């Protein structure tokens, strides 16, 4: 995932939306990839939004305090309206 994020950013994309609605588990590697992507898009004055995080995935973000760092939306449409 980290490599794919870099490909998108290197191609000029600075607005990213990740739909987590099908994600049941996230570990430190997944969090690290998202944090890395967030830093890179912020350097380009962009945004990285997360959509549809399930309760158990959201708990991981809360435990690591990353819920204060990322922007969460219930749907892709809501995230698109924010961009």
C-alpha atoms as a PDB file:
ATOM      1  CA  UNK A   1       0.000   0.000   0.000  1.00  0.00           C
ATOM      2  CA  UNK A   2       2.842   2.369   0.820  1.00  0.00           C
ATOM      3  CA  UNK A   3       4.305   1.906  -2.659  1.00  0.00           C
ATOM      4  CA  UNK A   4       0.930   2.528  -4.297  1.00  0.00           C
ATOM      5  CA  UNK A   5       0.501   5.732  -2.297  1.00  0.00           C
ATOM      6  CA  UNK A   6       3.923   6.894  -3.473  1.00  0.00           C
ATOM      7  CA  UNK A   7       3.004   6.116  -7.105  1.00  0.00           C
ATOM      8  CA  UNK A   8      -0.142   8.236  -6.788  1.00  0.00           C
ATOM      9  CA  UNK A   9       1.690  11.128  -5.139  1.00  0.00           C
ATOM     10  CA  UNK A  10       4.575  10.997  -7.638  1.00  0.00           C
ATOM     11  CA  UNK A  11       2.022  11.194 -10.449  1.00  0.00           C
ATOM     12  CA  UNK A  12       0.765  14.489  -9.037  1.00  0.00           C
ATOM     13  CA  UNK A  13      -2.137  13.350  -6.870  1.00  0.00           C
ATOM     14  CA  UNK A  14      -2.397  15.277  -3.620  1.00  0.00           C
ATOM     15  CA  UNK A  15      -5.999  14.492  -2.676  1.00  0.00           C
ATOM     16  CA  UNK A  16      -6.448  10.904  -1.516  1.00  0.00           C
ATOM     17  CA  UNK A  17      -9.489   9.083  -0.164  1.00  0.00           C
ATOM     18  CA  UNK A  18      -9.104   5.612   1.313  1.00  0.00           C
ATOM     19  CA  UNK A  19     -12.272   3.570   1.695  1.00  0.00           C
ATOM     20  CA  UNK A  20     -11.751   1.380   4.751  1.00  0.00           C
ATOM     21  CA  UNK A  21     -15.254  -0.085   4.762  1.00  0.00           C
ATOM     22  CA  UNK A  22     -13.926  -3.548   3.812  1.00  0.00           C
ATOM     23  CA  UNK A  23     -11.002  -3.421   6.242  1.00  0.00           C
ATOM     24  CA  UNK A  24     -11.530  -5.611   9.320  1.00  0.00           C
ATOM     25  CA  UNK A  25      -8.033  -5.254  10.788  1.00  0.00           C
ATOM     26  CA  UNK A  26      -5.215  -2.732  10.593  1.00  0.00           C
ATOM     27  CA  UNK A  27      -1.759  -3.201  12.088  1.00  0.00           C
ATOM     28  CA  UNK A  28       1.286  -0.994  12.550  1.00  0.00           C
ATOM     29  CA  UNK A  29       2.363  -1.536   8.936  1.00  0.00           C
ATOM     30  CA  UNK A  30      -0.949  -0.271   7.623  1.00  0.00           C
ATOM     31  CA  UNK A  31      -0.902   2.678  10.003  1.00  0.00           C
ATOM     32  CA  UNK A  32       2.675   3.507   9.003  1.00  0.00           C
ATOM     33  CA  UNK A  33       1.753   3.493   5.302  1.00  0.00           C
ATOM     34  CA  UNK A  34      -1.164   5.841   5.933  1.00  0.00           C
ATOM     35  CA  UNK A  35       0.929   8.181   8.097  1.00  0.00           C
ATOM     36  CA  UNK A  36       3.658   8.257   5.462  1.00  0.00           C
ATOM     37  CA  UNK A  37       1.101   9.076   2.781  1.00  0.00           C
ATOM     38  CA  UNK A  38      -0.456  11.759   4.947  1.00  0.00           C
ATOM     39  CA  UNK A  39       2.908  13.462   5.463  1.00  0.00           C
ATOM     40  CA  UNK A  40       3.604  13.417   1.744  1.00  0.00           C
ATOM     41  CA  UNK A  41       0.247  14.846   0.676  1.00  0.00           C
ATOM     42  CA  UNK A  42       0.414  17.507   3.368  1.00  0.00           C
ATOM     43  CA  UNK A  43       3.791  18.580   1.986  1.00  0.00           C
ATOM     44  CA  UNK A  44       1.903  19.214  -1.279  1.00  0.00           C
ATOM     45  CA  UNK A  45      -0.897  21.060   0.561  1.00  0.00           C
ATOM     46  CA  UNK A  46      -3.136  18.075  -0.069  1.00  0.00           C
ATOM     47  CA  UNK A  47      -5.354  15.853   2.053  1.00  0.00           C
ATOM     48  CA  UNK A  48      -5.694  12.194   2.869  1.00  0.00           C
ATOM     49  CA  UNK A  49      -9.185  11.238   4.021  1.00  0.00           C
ATOM     50  CA  UNK A  50     -10.347   7.944   5.482  1.00  0.00           C
ATOM     51  CA  UNK A  51     -13.841   6.645   4.832  1.00  0.00           C
ATOM     52  CA  UNK A  52     -16.064   4.021   6.409  1.00  0.00           C
ATOM     53  CA  UNK A  53     -13.790   2.786   9.185  1.00  0.00           C
ATOM     54  CA  UNK A  54     -15.443  -0.009  11.160  1.00  0.00           C
ATOM     55  CA  UNK A  55     -15.609   0.168  14.944  1.00  0.00           C
ATOM     56  CA  UNK A  56     -12.676  -2.203  15.543  1.00  0.00           C
ATOM     57  CA  UNK A  57     -10.478  -0.381  13.019  1.00  0.00           C
ATOM     58  CA  UNK A  58     -11.481   2.967  14.501  1.00  0.00           C
ATOM     59  CA  UNK A  59     -10.437   1.676  17.934  1.00  0.00           C
ATOM     60  CA  UNK A  60      -6.885   1.187  16.647  1.00  0.00           C
ATOM     61  CA  UNK A  61      -6.812   4.784  15.426  1.00  0.00           C
ATOM     62  CA  UNK A  62      -8.115   5.956  18.810  1.00  0.00           C
ATOM     63  CA  UNK A  63      -5.618   3.869  20.798  1.00  0.00           C
ATOM     64  CA  UNK A  64      -2.736   5.310  18.789  1.00  0.00           C
ATOM     65  CA  UNK A  65      -4.245   8.836  18.902  1.00  0.00           C
ATOM     66  CA  UNK A  66      -4.234   8.874  15.110  1.00  0.00           C
ATOM     67  CA  UNK A  67      -7.941   9.663  15.199  1.00  0.00           C
ATOM     68  CA  UNK A  68      -6.772  13.215  15.975  1.00  0.00           C
ATOM     69  CA  UNK A  69      -4.487  13.272  12.920  1.00  0.00           C
ATOM     70  CA  UNK A  70      -6.634  11.849  10.140  1.00  0.00           C
ATOM     71  CA  UNK A  71      -9.924  13.151   8.775  1.00  0.00           C
ATOM     72  CA  UNK A  72     -12.692  10.530   8.832  1.00  0.00           C
ATOM     73  CA  UNK A  73     -15.907  10.494   6.828  1.00  0.00           C
ATOM     74  CA  UNK A  74     -18.818   8.067   6.753  1.00  0.00           C
ATOM     75  CA  UNK A  75     -18.971   7.890   2.944  1.00  0.00           C
ATOM     76  CA  UNK A  76     -16.837   8.583  -0.112  1.00  0.00           C
ATOM     77  CA  UNK A  77     -19.366  11.198  -1.186  1.00  0.00           C
ATOM     78  CA  UNK A  78     -18.940  13.088   2.091  1.00  0.00           C
ATOM     79  CA  UNK A  79     -15.160  12.993   1.671  1.00  0.00           C
ATOM     80  CA  UNK A  80     -15.432  14.264  -1.907  1.00  0.00           C
ATOM     81  CA  UNK A  81     -17.534  17.198  -0.724  1.00  0.00           C
ATOM     82  CA  UNK A  82     -14.731  18.105   1.691  1.00  0.00           C
ATOM     83  CA  UNK A  83     -12.026  18.084  -0.972  1.00  0.00           C
END
